[in-house]
Amino acid sequence: MIEISNVIFKYPVQEDRIILDIPGWSVSKGERVFIHGPSGCGKTTFLNLLSGLSSINEGKVIVFNYRLDEMSARERDAFRANYVGHVFQTFNLIPYLSAVDNIRLGDYFSGKASDRDWVEKAKQALLDLGVSHEHHDIQARSLSMGQQQRVAIARALINKPKLLIADEPTSSLDEKNKKSFMSMMMELVMVNEITLVMVSHDTASSTYFDRVEEFNSINLR
C-alpha cells in the first residue's frame, strides 16, 4: 500500500544538507504504525512525503499504486484530497470558521460533493463524534480543546480516506484529552478499515498500535 525506496529529500534553500535518506520502507493495508523520534528529526517532513504535501529529490514514493514522485503539485493535491486524511499537531483549524465550515474544506478540495452534501455530511460527522447541534456554527477558536479534537478528526475522515496521517496530534493535550483522542481515533480507524501512520516524540501512545518503529531506523540521517 505504501512503498518508499531510495528516497532523498533536501530543502531547496539547503541543497547541501540531506534531511531524509530512506533506503526502503513499506506499510501494508490496514496496518497501524507508530513512529517515534525526537523533535526536529524530520518526522513531519516524512509524513508530508506520504501525503504528497512535499516532493522528493530522488527515489520513489508509491501510495495505493500511485507514484507520488512522478506527479505534479496539482496532481498530488487531488490525490491527497481523495485518499489521505491528515490530523495535525495543533489541529490546524481555521479559527474564524465554524466547526461545519472547517470540515467542509475537506470536501471542497475533493471536488466530489454539492453544497448541500457538504453541509449535511459535516453536521452528521460532528454528531457522530459527539459534537451537539448548538456547537456546529460556533467559530473554532471558541470551541473547547475536546471539541476541536473532534472537528479535526471529522475533517480528516470526511472523505473516507484510505490512509490517515497523524502528526504529533496529542502533544498539546492533557492526559485526559490525550486518552480520549487516541481511543476515538483508533475506534474510527478500525471501524472504517483505514491504514494509520502516526508520528510522535512521546512513546506513551505507542500501546495503541500494532507496529512501533524508531524514526532513526527508517531515516539514515
N, C-alpha and C. Protein backbone atom coordinates (compact mmCIF):
# COMPACT_ATOMS: atom_id res chain seq x y z
N MET A 1 0.82 -1.19 0.00
CA MET A 1 0.00 0.00 0.00
C MET A 1 0.86 1.26 0.00
N ILE A 2 1.87 1.30 0.90
CA ILE A 2 2.89 2.35 0.88
C ILE A 2 4.23 1.69 0.64
N GLU A 3 4.97 2.22 -0.31
CA GLU A 3 6.30 1.69 -0.58
C GLU A 3 7.24 2.84 -0.92
N ILE A 4 8.28 2.97 -0.14
CA ILE A 4 9.29 4.01 -0.34
C ILE A 4 10.62 3.34 -0.62
N SER A 5 11.34 3.84 -1.62
CA SER A 5 12.65 3.26 -1.92
C SER A 5 13.62 4.33 -2.39
N ASN A 6 14.82 4.28 -1.82
CA ASN A 6 15.95 5.16 -2.22
C ASN A 6 15.57 6.64 -2.23
N VAL A 7 14.87 7.07 -1.20
CA VAL A 7 14.38 8.44 -1.13
C VAL A 7 15.44 9.37 -0.54
N ILE A 8 15.65 10.48 -1.22
CA ILE A 8 16.48 11.57 -0.73
C ILE A 8 15.64 12.84 -0.76
N PHE A 9 15.65 13.57 0.35
CA PHE A 9 14.93 14.84 0.40
C PHE A 9 15.84 15.92 0.95
N LYS A 10 15.85 17.07 0.25
CA LYS A 10 16.57 18.26 0.69
C LYS A 10 15.66 19.46 0.53
N TYR A 11 15.77 20.42 1.43
CA TYR A 11 15.05 21.67 1.26
C TYR A 11 15.74 22.50 0.19
N PRO A 12 14.96 23.17 -0.67
CA PRO A 12 15.55 23.97 -1.75
C PRO A 12 16.57 24.99 -1.28
N VAL A 13 16.36 25.56 -0.08
CA VAL A 13 17.29 26.58 0.42
C VAL A 13 18.50 25.97 1.12
N GLN A 14 18.50 24.64 1.28
CA GLN A 14 19.64 23.97 1.93
C GLN A 14 20.01 22.72 1.12
N GLU A 15 20.36 22.91 -0.13
CA GLU A 15 20.59 21.77 -1.02
C GLU A 15 21.85 20.98 -0.67
N ASP A 16 22.67 21.52 0.19
CA ASP A 16 23.86 20.79 0.62
C ASP A 16 23.59 19.92 1.84
N ARG A 17 22.35 19.96 2.35
CA ARG A 17 22.01 19.19 3.56
C ARG A 17 20.88 18.22 3.26
N ILE A 18 21.15 16.94 3.45
CA ILE A 18 20.13 15.91 3.25
C ILE A 18 19.31 15.77 4.53
N ILE A 19 17.99 15.93 4.40
CA ILE A 19 17.09 15.83 5.55
C ILE A 19 16.61 14.39 5.72
N LEU A 20 16.24 13.76 4.61
CA LEU A 20 15.78 12.37 4.64
C LEU A 20 16.60 11.52 3.69
N ASP A 21 17.02 10.38 4.18
CA ASP A 21 17.73 9.38 3.38
C ASP A 21 17.15 8.03 3.77
N ILE A 22 16.17 7.57 2.98
CA ILE A 22 15.41 6.37 3.34
C ILE A 22 15.61 5.30 2.26
N PRO A 23 16.41 4.28 2.55
CA PRO A 23 16.65 3.22 1.55
C PRO A 23 15.39 2.45 1.19
N GLY A 24 14.55 2.17 2.17
CA GLY A 24 13.33 1.42 1.90
C GLY A 24 12.43 1.36 3.12
N TRP A 25 11.12 1.45 2.87
CA TRP A 25 10.13 1.38 3.96
C TRP A 25 8.78 1.09 3.34
N SER A 26 7.97 0.29 4.02
CA SER A 26 6.66 -0.06 3.46
C SER A 26 5.63 -0.27 4.56
N VAL A 27 4.38 -0.13 4.18
CA VAL A 27 3.24 -0.35 5.09
C VAL A 27 2.19 -1.13 4.32
N SER A 28 1.62 -2.13 4.96
CA SER A 28 0.57 -2.92 4.33
C SER A 28 -0.80 -2.32 4.65
N LYS A 29 -1.75 -2.63 3.83
CA LYS A 29 -3.11 -2.13 4.01
C LYS A 29 -3.64 -2.54 5.39
N GLY A 30 -4.22 -1.57 6.09
CA GLY A 30 -4.84 -1.85 7.38
C GLY A 30 -3.90 -1.80 8.57
N GLU A 31 -2.61 -1.62 8.35
CA GLU A 31 -1.66 -1.54 9.47
C GLU A 31 -1.85 -0.24 10.24
N ARG A 32 -1.53 -0.31 11.52
CA ARG A 32 -1.50 0.87 12.38
C ARG A 32 -0.06 1.04 12.86
N VAL A 33 0.61 2.04 12.32
CA VAL A 33 2.05 2.19 12.53
C VAL A 33 2.34 3.44 13.35
N PHE A 34 3.11 3.27 14.42
CA PHE A 34 3.53 4.38 15.28
C PHE A 34 5.03 4.57 15.11
N ILE A 35 5.43 5.81 14.79
CA ILE A 35 6.84 6.13 14.59
C ILE A 35 7.23 7.19 15.60
N HIS A 36 8.30 6.94 16.36
CA HIS A 36 8.71 7.91 17.37
C HIS A 36 10.15 8.36 17.14
N GLY A 37 10.40 9.57 17.58
CA GLY A 37 11.72 10.16 17.44
C GLY A 37 11.70 11.56 18.00
N PRO A 38 12.86 12.14 18.30
CA PRO A 38 12.91 13.47 18.91
C PRO A 38 12.41 14.56 17.98
N SER A 39 12.01 15.67 18.54
CA SER A 39 11.57 16.81 17.74
C SER A 39 12.70 17.28 16.83
N GLY A 40 12.35 17.64 15.61
CA GLY A 40 13.34 18.16 14.68
C GLY A 40 14.11 17.12 13.89
N CYS A 41 13.69 15.85 13.98
CA CYS A 41 14.45 14.80 13.30
C CYS A 41 13.93 14.52 11.89
N GLY A 42 12.85 15.19 11.46
CA GLY A 42 12.35 15.01 10.10
C GLY A 42 11.05 14.24 10.00
N LYS A 43 10.39 13.99 11.12
CA LYS A 43 9.16 13.19 11.10
C LYS A 43 8.05 13.85 10.29
N THR A 44 7.87 15.16 10.52
CA THR A 44 6.81 15.87 9.79
C THR A 44 7.11 15.90 8.30
N THR A 45 8.35 16.13 7.93
CA THR A 45 8.74 16.10 6.52
C THR A 45 8.44 14.75 5.90
N PHE A 46 8.71 13.71 6.64
CA PHE A 46 8.43 12.34 6.20
C PHE A 46 6.94 12.15 5.91
N LEU A 47 6.09 12.61 6.83
CA LEU A 47 4.65 12.49 6.63
C LEU A 47 4.20 13.31 5.42
N ASN A 48 4.81 14.46 5.23
CA ASN A 48 4.46 15.30 4.08
C ASN A 48 4.76 14.62 2.76
N LEU A 49 5.76 13.76 2.74
CA LEU A 49 6.06 13.00 1.53
C LEU A 49 4.99 11.94 1.28
N LEU A 50 4.51 11.32 2.36
CA LEU A 50 3.49 10.28 2.22
C LEU A 50 2.16 10.85 1.73
N SER A 51 1.86 12.08 2.11
CA SER A 51 0.59 12.68 1.73
C SER A 51 0.69 13.50 0.44
N GLY A 52 1.90 13.70 -0.05
CA GLY A 52 2.07 14.49 -1.26
C GLY A 52 2.18 15.97 -1.02
N LEU A 53 2.30 16.40 0.23
CA LEU A 53 2.49 17.82 0.51
C LEU A 53 3.86 18.30 0.04
N SER A 54 4.84 17.40 0.06
CA SER A 54 6.18 17.71 -0.42
C SER A 54 6.60 16.69 -1.46
N SER A 55 7.56 17.07 -2.30
CA SER A 55 8.09 16.16 -3.31
C SER A 55 9.56 15.85 -3.00
N ILE A 56 10.02 14.71 -3.45
CA ILE A 56 11.37 14.26 -3.14
C ILE A 56 12.35 14.69 -4.22
N ASN A 57 13.64 14.61 -3.88
CA ASN A 57 14.70 14.91 -4.84
C ASN A 57 15.08 13.67 -5.64
N GLU A 58 15.08 12.53 -4.97
CA GLU A 58 15.43 11.26 -5.62
C GLU A 58 14.58 10.15 -5.01
N GLY A 59 14.41 9.06 -5.78
CA GLY A 59 13.75 7.87 -5.27
C GLY A 59 12.30 7.73 -5.70
N LYS A 60 11.61 6.80 -5.01
CA LYS A 60 10.21 6.50 -5.33
C LYS A 60 9.35 6.59 -4.08
N VAL A 61 8.17 7.16 -4.23
CA VAL A 61 7.15 7.13 -3.18
C VAL A 61 5.87 6.64 -3.82
N ILE A 62 5.46 5.43 -3.47
CA ILE A 62 4.28 4.81 -4.05
C ILE A 62 3.23 4.63 -2.95
N VAL A 63 2.05 5.19 -3.16
CA VAL A 63 0.95 5.05 -2.22
C VAL A 63 -0.30 4.66 -3.01
N PHE A 64 -0.88 3.53 -2.65
CA PHE A 64 -2.05 3.00 -3.37
C PHE A 64 -1.76 2.86 -4.87
N ASN A 65 -0.55 2.41 -5.18
CA ASN A 65 -0.12 2.20 -6.57
C ASN A 65 0.05 3.48 -7.37
N TYR A 66 0.02 4.63 -6.70
CA TYR A 66 0.28 5.91 -7.36
C TYR A 66 1.73 6.33 -7.08
N ARG A 67 2.43 6.73 -8.11
CA ARG A 67 3.79 7.24 -7.96
C ARG A 67 3.73 8.74 -7.64
N LEU A 68 3.78 9.08 -6.36
CA LEU A 68 3.70 10.48 -5.97
C LEU A 68 4.89 11.28 -6.49
N ASP A 69 6.04 10.62 -6.62
CA ASP A 69 7.23 11.32 -7.08
C ASP A 69 7.15 11.71 -8.55
N GLU A 70 6.20 11.15 -9.28
CA GLU A 70 6.04 11.49 -10.69
C GLU A 70 4.88 12.45 -10.93
N MET A 71 4.18 12.84 -9.87
CA MET A 71 3.03 13.71 -10.00
C MET A 71 3.42 15.18 -9.92
N SER A 72 2.61 16.04 -10.54
CA SER A 72 2.75 17.48 -10.37
C SER A 72 2.14 17.86 -9.02
N ALA A 73 2.39 19.10 -8.59
CA ALA A 73 1.82 19.57 -7.33
C ALA A 73 0.30 19.51 -7.35
N ARG A 74 -0.30 19.87 -8.48
CA ARG A 74 -1.76 19.83 -8.61
C ARG A 74 -2.27 18.39 -8.51
N GLU A 75 -1.58 17.46 -9.13
CA GLU A 75 -1.99 16.06 -9.08
C GLU A 75 -1.87 15.51 -7.66
N ARG A 76 -0.82 15.91 -6.96
CA ARG A 76 -0.67 15.46 -5.57
C ARG A 76 -1.76 16.04 -4.68
N ASP A 77 -2.16 17.28 -4.93
CA ASP A 77 -3.25 17.88 -4.16
C ASP A 77 -4.54 17.09 -4.35
N ALA A 78 -4.83 16.70 -5.59
CA ALA A 78 -6.04 15.92 -5.87
C ALA A 78 -5.95 14.55 -5.22
N PHE A 79 -4.78 13.94 -5.28
CA PHE A 79 -4.57 12.63 -4.64
C PHE A 79 -4.83 12.73 -3.15
N ARG A 80 -4.25 13.73 -2.51
CA ARG A 80 -4.39 13.89 -1.06
C ARG A 80 -5.86 14.12 -0.67
N ALA A 81 -6.56 14.93 -1.43
CA ALA A 81 -7.96 15.24 -1.12
C ALA A 81 -8.83 14.00 -1.17
N ASN A 82 -8.48 13.05 -2.01
CA ASN A 82 -9.34 11.88 -2.23
C ASN A 82 -8.90 10.62 -1.49
N TYR A 83 -7.65 10.59 -1.03
CA TYR A 83 -7.15 9.35 -0.44
C TYR A 83 -6.58 9.49 0.97
N VAL A 84 -6.24 10.70 1.38
CA VAL A 84 -5.49 10.88 2.63
C VAL A 84 -6.22 11.82 3.57
N GLY A 85 -6.32 11.42 4.84
CA GLY A 85 -6.79 12.30 5.90
C GLY A 85 -5.59 12.68 6.76
N HIS A 86 -5.56 13.94 7.24
CA HIS A 86 -4.39 14.43 7.97
C HIS A 86 -4.85 15.10 9.25
N VAL A 87 -4.39 14.61 10.38
CA VAL A 87 -4.64 15.26 11.67
C VAL A 87 -3.33 15.91 12.11
N PHE A 88 -3.35 17.23 12.26
CA PHE A 88 -2.14 17.98 12.53
C PHE A 88 -1.90 18.16 14.02
N GLN A 89 -0.67 18.52 14.36
CA GLN A 89 -0.26 18.66 15.75
C GLN A 89 -1.14 19.63 16.52
N THR A 90 -1.42 20.77 15.93
CA THR A 90 -2.25 21.78 16.60
C THR A 90 -3.64 21.84 15.97
N PHE A 91 -4.01 20.78 15.27
CA PHE A 91 -5.30 20.60 14.61
C PHE A 91 -5.49 21.45 13.36
N ASN A 92 -4.78 22.61 13.28
CA ASN A 92 -4.82 23.45 12.08
C ASN A 92 -6.23 23.82 11.63
N LEU A 93 -7.10 24.07 12.60
CA LEU A 93 -8.43 24.58 12.26
C LEU A 93 -8.31 26.07 11.94
N ILE A 94 -9.14 26.55 11.04
CA ILE A 94 -9.18 27.98 10.74
C ILE A 94 -10.05 28.63 11.81
N PRO A 95 -9.45 29.46 12.67
CA PRO A 95 -10.13 29.91 13.90
C PRO A 95 -11.42 30.67 13.69
N TYR A 96 -11.53 31.44 12.60
CA TYR A 96 -12.73 32.26 12.41
C TYR A 96 -13.83 31.53 11.65
N LEU A 97 -13.56 30.28 11.21
CA LEU A 97 -14.60 29.49 10.55
C LEU A 97 -15.31 28.62 11.58
N SER A 98 -16.55 28.31 11.32
CA SER A 98 -17.32 27.44 12.20
C SER A 98 -16.81 26.01 12.11
N ALA A 99 -17.27 25.18 13.04
CA ALA A 99 -16.91 23.77 13.02
C ALA A 99 -17.31 23.14 11.69
N VAL A 100 -18.52 23.41 11.24
CA VAL A 100 -19.01 22.86 9.98
C VAL A 100 -18.16 23.32 8.80
N ASP A 101 -17.85 24.60 8.74
CA ASP A 101 -17.08 25.12 7.61
C ASP A 101 -15.65 24.60 7.59
N ASN A 102 -15.06 24.35 8.76
CA ASN A 102 -13.74 23.73 8.79
C ASN A 102 -13.77 22.34 8.17
N ILE A 103 -14.82 21.60 8.47
CA ILE A 103 -14.94 20.25 7.92
C ILE A 103 -15.24 20.29 6.43
N ARG A 104 -16.04 21.24 6.02
CA ARG A 104 -16.42 21.36 4.61
C ARG A 104 -15.20 21.57 3.70
N LEU A 105 -14.14 22.11 4.25
CA LEU A 105 -12.94 22.32 3.45
C LEU A 105 -12.42 21.01 2.87
N GLY A 106 -12.54 19.92 3.66
CA GLY A 106 -12.09 18.62 3.17
C GLY A 106 -12.85 18.18 1.94
N ASP A 107 -14.16 18.40 1.94
CA ASP A 107 -14.96 18.04 0.77
C ASP A 107 -14.73 18.99 -0.39
N TYR A 108 -14.52 20.26 -0.08
CA TYR A 108 -14.33 21.25 -1.13
C TYR A 108 -13.14 20.90 -2.02
N PHE A 109 -12.03 20.51 -1.39
CA PHE A 109 -10.84 20.22 -2.17
C PHE A 109 -10.94 18.90 -2.93
N SER A 110 -11.83 18.02 -2.52
CA SER A 110 -12.00 16.77 -3.26
C SER A 110 -12.81 16.99 -4.53
N GLY A 111 -13.64 18.03 -4.54
CA GLY A 111 -14.46 18.33 -5.72
C GLY A 111 -15.55 17.32 -5.98
N LYS A 112 -15.98 16.58 -4.96
CA LYS A 112 -16.93 15.49 -5.19
C LYS A 112 -18.34 15.79 -4.74
N ALA A 113 -18.53 16.80 -3.91
CA ALA A 113 -19.84 16.97 -3.29
C ALA A 113 -20.46 18.32 -3.63
N SER A 114 -21.80 18.39 -3.59
CA SER A 114 -22.50 19.65 -3.78
C SER A 114 -22.53 20.40 -2.46
N ASP A 115 -22.96 21.68 -2.51
CA ASP A 115 -23.02 22.49 -1.29
C ASP A 115 -23.89 21.82 -0.22
N ARG A 116 -25.05 21.32 -0.64
CA ARG A 116 -25.94 20.66 0.32
C ARG A 116 -25.27 19.42 0.92
N ASP A 117 -24.62 18.63 0.09
CA ASP A 117 -23.92 17.44 0.58
C ASP A 117 -22.86 17.83 1.60
N TRP A 118 -22.11 18.88 1.34
CA TRP A 118 -21.06 19.32 2.26
C TRP A 118 -21.64 19.58 3.64
N VAL A 119 -22.69 20.36 3.70
CA VAL A 119 -23.25 20.76 4.99
C VAL A 119 -23.79 19.55 5.74
N GLU A 120 -24.57 18.73 5.07
CA GLU A 120 -25.17 17.57 5.72
C GLU A 120 -24.12 16.57 6.19
N LYS A 121 -23.13 16.32 5.36
CA LYS A 121 -22.07 15.39 5.74
C LYS A 121 -21.28 15.92 6.94
N ALA A 122 -20.98 17.22 6.93
CA ALA A 122 -20.20 17.81 8.02
C ALA A 122 -20.97 17.74 9.33
N LYS A 123 -22.26 18.07 9.29
CA LYS A 123 -23.07 18.03 10.51
C LYS A 123 -23.21 16.62 11.04
N GLN A 124 -23.39 15.66 10.15
CA GLN A 124 -23.53 14.28 10.59
C GLN A 124 -22.23 13.77 11.20
N ALA A 125 -21.10 14.17 10.60
CA ALA A 125 -19.80 13.76 11.13
C ALA A 125 -19.61 14.30 12.54
N LEU A 126 -20.01 15.53 12.76
CA LEU A 126 -19.90 16.12 14.10
C LEU A 126 -20.80 15.41 15.10
N LEU A 127 -22.04 15.13 14.69
CA LEU A 127 -22.96 14.42 15.58
C LEU A 127 -22.42 13.04 15.93
N ASP A 128 -21.85 12.36 14.94
CA ASP A 128 -21.30 11.01 15.17
C ASP A 128 -20.17 11.04 16.19
N LEU A 129 -19.47 12.18 16.27
CA LEU A 129 -18.35 12.30 17.20
C LEU A 129 -18.73 13.01 18.50
N GLY A 130 -20.03 13.21 18.69
CA GLY A 130 -20.49 13.76 19.96
C GLY A 130 -20.48 15.26 20.08
N VAL A 131 -20.40 15.97 18.94
CA VAL A 131 -20.48 17.44 18.97
C VAL A 131 -21.92 17.83 18.66
N SER A 132 -22.59 18.43 19.63
CA SER A 132 -24.03 18.70 19.51
C SER A 132 -24.32 19.83 18.53
N HIS A 133 -25.58 19.89 18.11
CA HIS A 133 -26.02 20.87 17.11
C HIS A 133 -25.64 22.29 17.46
N GLU A 134 -25.74 22.66 18.73
CA GLU A 134 -25.52 24.06 19.11
C GLU A 134 -24.07 24.51 18.91
N HIS A 135 -23.16 23.56 18.72
CA HIS A 135 -21.76 23.92 18.51
C HIS A 135 -21.34 23.88 17.04
N HIS A 136 -22.23 23.50 16.16
CA HIS A 136 -21.86 23.32 14.75
C HIS A 136 -21.49 24.63 14.07
N ASP A 137 -22.13 25.73 14.47
CA ASP A 137 -21.90 27.01 13.80
C ASP A 137 -21.07 27.98 14.63
N ILE A 138 -20.45 27.47 15.69
CA ILE A 138 -19.58 28.29 16.52
C ILE A 138 -18.17 28.33 15.92
N GLN A 139 -17.53 29.49 15.97
CA GLN A 139 -16.16 29.59 15.45
C GLN A 139 -15.24 28.62 16.19
N ALA A 140 -14.29 28.06 15.46
CA ALA A 140 -13.40 27.04 16.02
C ALA A 140 -12.64 27.55 17.24
N ARG A 141 -12.26 28.84 17.23
CA ARG A 141 -11.49 29.37 18.36
C ARG A 141 -12.30 29.43 19.65
N SER A 142 -13.63 29.32 19.54
CA SER A 142 -14.48 29.38 20.73
C SER A 142 -14.85 27.99 21.26
N LEU A 143 -14.39 26.96 20.57
CA LEU A 143 -14.67 25.59 20.99
C LEU A 143 -13.66 25.13 22.04
N SER A 144 -14.06 24.19 22.86
CA SER A 144 -13.13 23.61 23.82
C SER A 144 -12.09 22.77 23.10
N MET A 145 -11.02 22.42 23.79
CA MET A 145 -9.98 21.59 23.19
C MET A 145 -10.55 20.24 22.74
N GLY A 146 -11.43 19.66 23.56
CA GLY A 146 -12.03 18.39 23.20
C GLY A 146 -12.89 18.49 21.95
N GLN A 147 -13.63 19.60 21.84
CA GLN A 147 -14.45 19.80 20.65
C GLN A 147 -13.58 20.03 19.41
N GLN A 148 -12.49 20.77 19.57
CA GLN A 148 -11.57 20.98 18.45
C GLN A 148 -10.96 19.66 17.98
N GLN A 149 -10.67 18.77 18.91
CA GLN A 149 -10.19 17.42 18.56
C GLN A 149 -11.17 16.76 17.60
N ARG A 150 -12.42 16.79 17.99
CA ARG A 150 -13.45 16.10 17.21
C ARG A 150 -13.64 16.74 15.83
N VAL A 151 -13.55 18.04 15.77
CA VAL A 151 -13.65 18.71 14.47
C VAL A 151 -12.48 18.30 13.58
N ALA A 152 -11.29 18.23 14.16
CA ALA A 152 -10.10 17.85 13.39
C ALA A 152 -10.21 16.42 12.86
N ILE A 153 -10.73 15.52 13.67
CA ILE A 153 -10.89 14.14 13.23
C ILE A 153 -11.97 14.06 12.15
N ALA A 154 -13.08 14.77 12.37
CA ALA A 154 -14.16 14.76 11.37
C ALA A 154 -13.66 15.28 10.03
N ARG A 155 -12.87 16.34 10.05
CA ARG A 155 -12.33 16.90 8.80
C ARG A 155 -11.40 15.90 8.11
N ALA A 156 -10.59 15.21 8.90
CA ALA A 156 -9.64 14.25 8.32
C ALA A 156 -10.35 13.05 7.71
N LEU A 157 -11.52 12.71 8.26
CA LEU A 157 -12.19 11.48 7.83
C LEU A 157 -13.40 11.73 6.92
N ILE A 158 -13.71 12.99 6.63
CA ILE A 158 -14.95 13.32 5.92
C ILE A 158 -15.04 12.64 4.55
N ASN A 159 -13.92 12.45 3.89
CA ASN A 159 -13.94 11.84 2.56
C ASN A 159 -13.61 10.34 2.59
N LYS A 160 -13.72 9.73 3.77
CA LYS A 160 -13.45 8.31 3.93
C LYS A 160 -12.09 7.94 3.33
N PRO A 161 -11.00 8.51 3.87
CA PRO A 161 -9.67 8.26 3.31
C PRO A 161 -9.23 6.82 3.52
N LYS A 162 -8.34 6.38 2.66
CA LYS A 162 -7.75 5.05 2.83
C LYS A 162 -6.57 5.11 3.80
N LEU A 163 -5.97 6.29 3.90
CA LEU A 163 -4.80 6.48 4.76
C LEU A 163 -5.04 7.66 5.67
N LEU A 164 -4.81 7.48 6.97
CA LEU A 164 -4.88 8.57 7.93
C LEU A 164 -3.48 8.83 8.46
N ILE A 165 -3.06 10.09 8.38
CA ILE A 165 -1.76 10.51 8.88
C ILE A 165 -1.98 11.41 10.08
N ALA A 166 -1.28 11.12 11.17
CA ALA A 166 -1.42 11.92 12.39
C ALA A 166 -0.05 12.40 12.83
N ASP A 167 0.12 13.71 12.88
CA ASP A 167 1.41 14.32 13.18
C ASP A 167 1.41 14.90 14.59
N GLU A 168 1.95 14.15 15.55
CA GLU A 168 2.02 14.57 16.95
C GLU A 168 0.68 15.16 17.43
N PRO A 169 -0.43 14.49 17.20
CA PRO A 169 -1.74 15.10 17.50
C PRO A 169 -2.05 15.23 18.98
N THR A 170 -1.27 14.58 19.84
CA THR A 170 -1.58 14.63 21.28
C THR A 170 -0.59 15.49 22.06
N SER A 171 0.35 16.13 21.37
CA SER A 171 1.44 16.83 22.07
C SER A 171 0.96 18.00 22.93
N SER A 172 -0.15 18.62 22.55
CA SER A 172 -0.63 19.80 23.31
C SER A 172 -1.79 19.45 24.23
N LEU A 173 -2.06 18.16 24.41
CA LEU A 173 -3.22 17.74 25.19
C LEU A 173 -2.83 17.27 26.58
N ASP A 174 -3.73 17.46 27.54
CA ASP A 174 -3.50 16.90 28.86
C ASP A 174 -3.81 15.40 28.81
N GLU A 175 -3.54 14.73 29.89
CA GLU A 175 -3.64 13.27 29.89
C GLU A 175 -5.05 12.78 29.58
N LYS A 176 -6.04 13.44 30.14
CA LYS A 176 -7.43 13.03 29.92
C LYS A 176 -7.81 13.18 28.44
N ASN A 177 -7.51 14.34 27.88
CA ASN A 177 -7.84 14.57 26.47
C ASN A 177 -7.01 13.69 25.54
N LYS A 178 -5.78 13.39 25.94
CA LYS A 178 -4.92 12.53 25.13
C LYS A 178 -5.53 11.13 25.01
N LYS A 179 -5.97 10.57 26.12
CA LYS A 179 -6.58 9.24 26.09
C LYS A 179 -7.89 9.25 25.31
N SER A 180 -8.68 10.29 25.48
CA SER A 180 -9.93 10.41 24.76
C SER A 180 -9.68 10.48 23.26
N PHE A 181 -8.71 11.29 22.87
CA PHE A 181 -8.39 11.45 21.46
C PHE A 181 -7.94 10.14 20.84
N MET A 182 -7.00 9.45 21.51
CA MET A 182 -6.46 8.22 20.96
C MET A 182 -7.53 7.14 20.85
N SER A 183 -8.36 7.00 21.88
CA SER A 183 -9.42 5.99 21.84
C SER A 183 -10.39 6.26 20.70
N MET A 184 -10.76 7.53 20.54
CA MET A 184 -11.69 7.92 19.49
C MET A 184 -11.09 7.67 18.11
N MET A 185 -9.84 8.08 17.93
CA MET A 185 -9.20 7.91 16.63
C MET A 185 -9.04 6.44 16.27
N MET A 186 -8.60 5.63 17.21
CA MET A 186 -8.37 4.22 16.92
C MET A 186 -9.67 3.49 16.61
N GLU A 187 -10.74 3.84 17.29
CA GLU A 187 -12.02 3.21 17.01
C GLU A 187 -12.48 3.53 15.58
N LEU A 188 -12.34 4.79 15.18
CA LEU A 188 -12.74 5.18 13.83
C LEU A 188 -11.87 4.51 12.77
N VAL A 189 -10.60 4.39 13.04
CA VAL A 189 -9.68 3.74 12.10
C VAL A 189 -10.07 2.28 11.90
N MET A 190 -10.37 1.60 12.99
CA MET A 190 -10.71 0.18 12.88
C MET A 190 -12.07 -0.03 12.22
N VAL A 191 -13.05 0.77 12.60
CA VAL A 191 -14.40 0.63 12.03
C VAL A 191 -14.39 0.87 10.53
N ASN A 192 -13.59 1.85 10.10
CA ASN A 192 -13.57 2.23 8.69
C ASN A 192 -12.44 1.56 7.90
N GLU A 193 -11.70 0.67 8.56
CA GLU A 193 -10.62 -0.09 7.92
C GLU A 193 -9.60 0.84 7.24
N ILE A 194 -9.15 1.83 7.99
CA ILE A 194 -8.21 2.82 7.50
C ILE A 194 -6.80 2.46 7.95
N THR A 195 -5.84 2.62 7.07
CA THR A 195 -4.43 2.46 7.42
C THR A 195 -3.99 3.72 8.14
N LEU A 196 -3.25 3.57 9.23
CA LEU A 196 -2.86 4.71 10.06
C LEU A 196 -1.35 4.78 10.22
N VAL A 197 -0.79 5.97 10.00
CA VAL A 197 0.61 6.24 10.31
C VAL A 197 0.64 7.47 11.20
N MET A 198 1.16 7.30 12.41
CA MET A 198 1.25 8.42 13.37
C MET A 198 2.68 8.57 13.82
N VAL A 199 3.12 9.83 13.96
CA VAL A 199 4.45 10.11 14.49
C VAL A 199 4.34 10.92 15.77
N SER A 200 5.28 10.71 16.67
CA SER A 200 5.30 11.46 17.92
C SER A 200 6.67 11.32 18.57
N HIS A 201 7.02 12.29 19.40
CA HIS A 201 8.23 12.16 20.21
C HIS A 201 7.91 11.47 21.52
N ASP A 202 6.63 11.33 21.82
CA ASP A 202 6.15 10.73 23.07
C ASP A 202 5.69 9.30 22.80
N THR A 203 6.32 8.33 23.43
CA THR A 203 6.01 6.92 23.17
C THR A 203 4.81 6.41 23.97
N ALA A 204 4.20 7.27 24.79
CA ALA A 204 3.09 6.82 25.64
C ALA A 204 1.93 6.27 24.81
N SER A 205 1.73 6.81 23.61
CA SER A 205 0.60 6.38 22.78
C SER A 205 0.91 5.13 21.95
N SER A 206 2.11 4.64 22.04
CA SER A 206 2.51 3.51 21.19
C SER A 206 1.74 2.23 21.50
N THR A 207 1.17 2.14 22.71
CA THR A 207 0.46 0.92 23.10
C THR A 207 -0.81 0.70 22.28
N TYR A 208 -1.29 1.73 21.60
CA TYR A 208 -2.50 1.60 20.78
C TYR A 208 -2.21 0.96 19.42
N PHE A 209 -0.94 0.78 19.08
CA PHE A 209 -0.55 0.39 17.73
C PHE A 209 -0.02 -1.04 17.66
N ASP A 210 -0.15 -1.63 16.47
CA ASP A 210 0.35 -2.99 16.30
C ASP A 210 1.75 -3.02 15.68
N ARG A 211 2.30 -1.86 15.36
CA ARG A 211 3.67 -1.78 14.84
C ARG A 211 4.30 -0.48 15.31
N VAL A 212 5.46 -0.59 15.95
CA VAL A 212 6.14 0.58 16.51
C VAL A 212 7.57 0.62 15.98
N GLU A 213 7.99 1.80 15.49
CA GLU A 213 9.34 1.93 14.94
C GLU A 213 9.98 3.23 15.40
N GLU A 214 11.31 3.20 15.52
CA GLU A 214 12.07 4.42 15.75
C GLU A 214 12.35 5.07 14.41
N PHE A 215 12.23 6.40 14.36
CA PHE A 215 12.42 7.07 13.08
C PHE A 215 13.86 6.93 12.58
N ASN A 216 14.82 6.86 13.48
CA ASN A 216 16.20 6.71 13.01
C ASN A 216 16.51 5.34 12.44
N SER A 217 15.56 4.39 12.57
CA SER A 217 15.73 3.11 11.90
C SER A 217 15.19 3.16 10.47
N ILE A 218 14.42 4.21 10.18
CA ILE A 218 13.86 4.42 8.84
C ILE A 218 14.73 5.39 8.04
N ASN A 219 15.07 6.51 8.71
CA ASN A 219 15.84 7.57 8.08
C ASN A 219 17.30 7.47 8.52
N LEU A 220 18.22 7.38 7.58
CA LEU A 220 19.64 7.20 7.90
C LEU A 220 20.35 8.51 8.26
N ARG A 221 19.66 9.62 8.15
CA ARG A 221 20.27 10.91 8.51
C ARG A 221 20.24 11.09 10.00
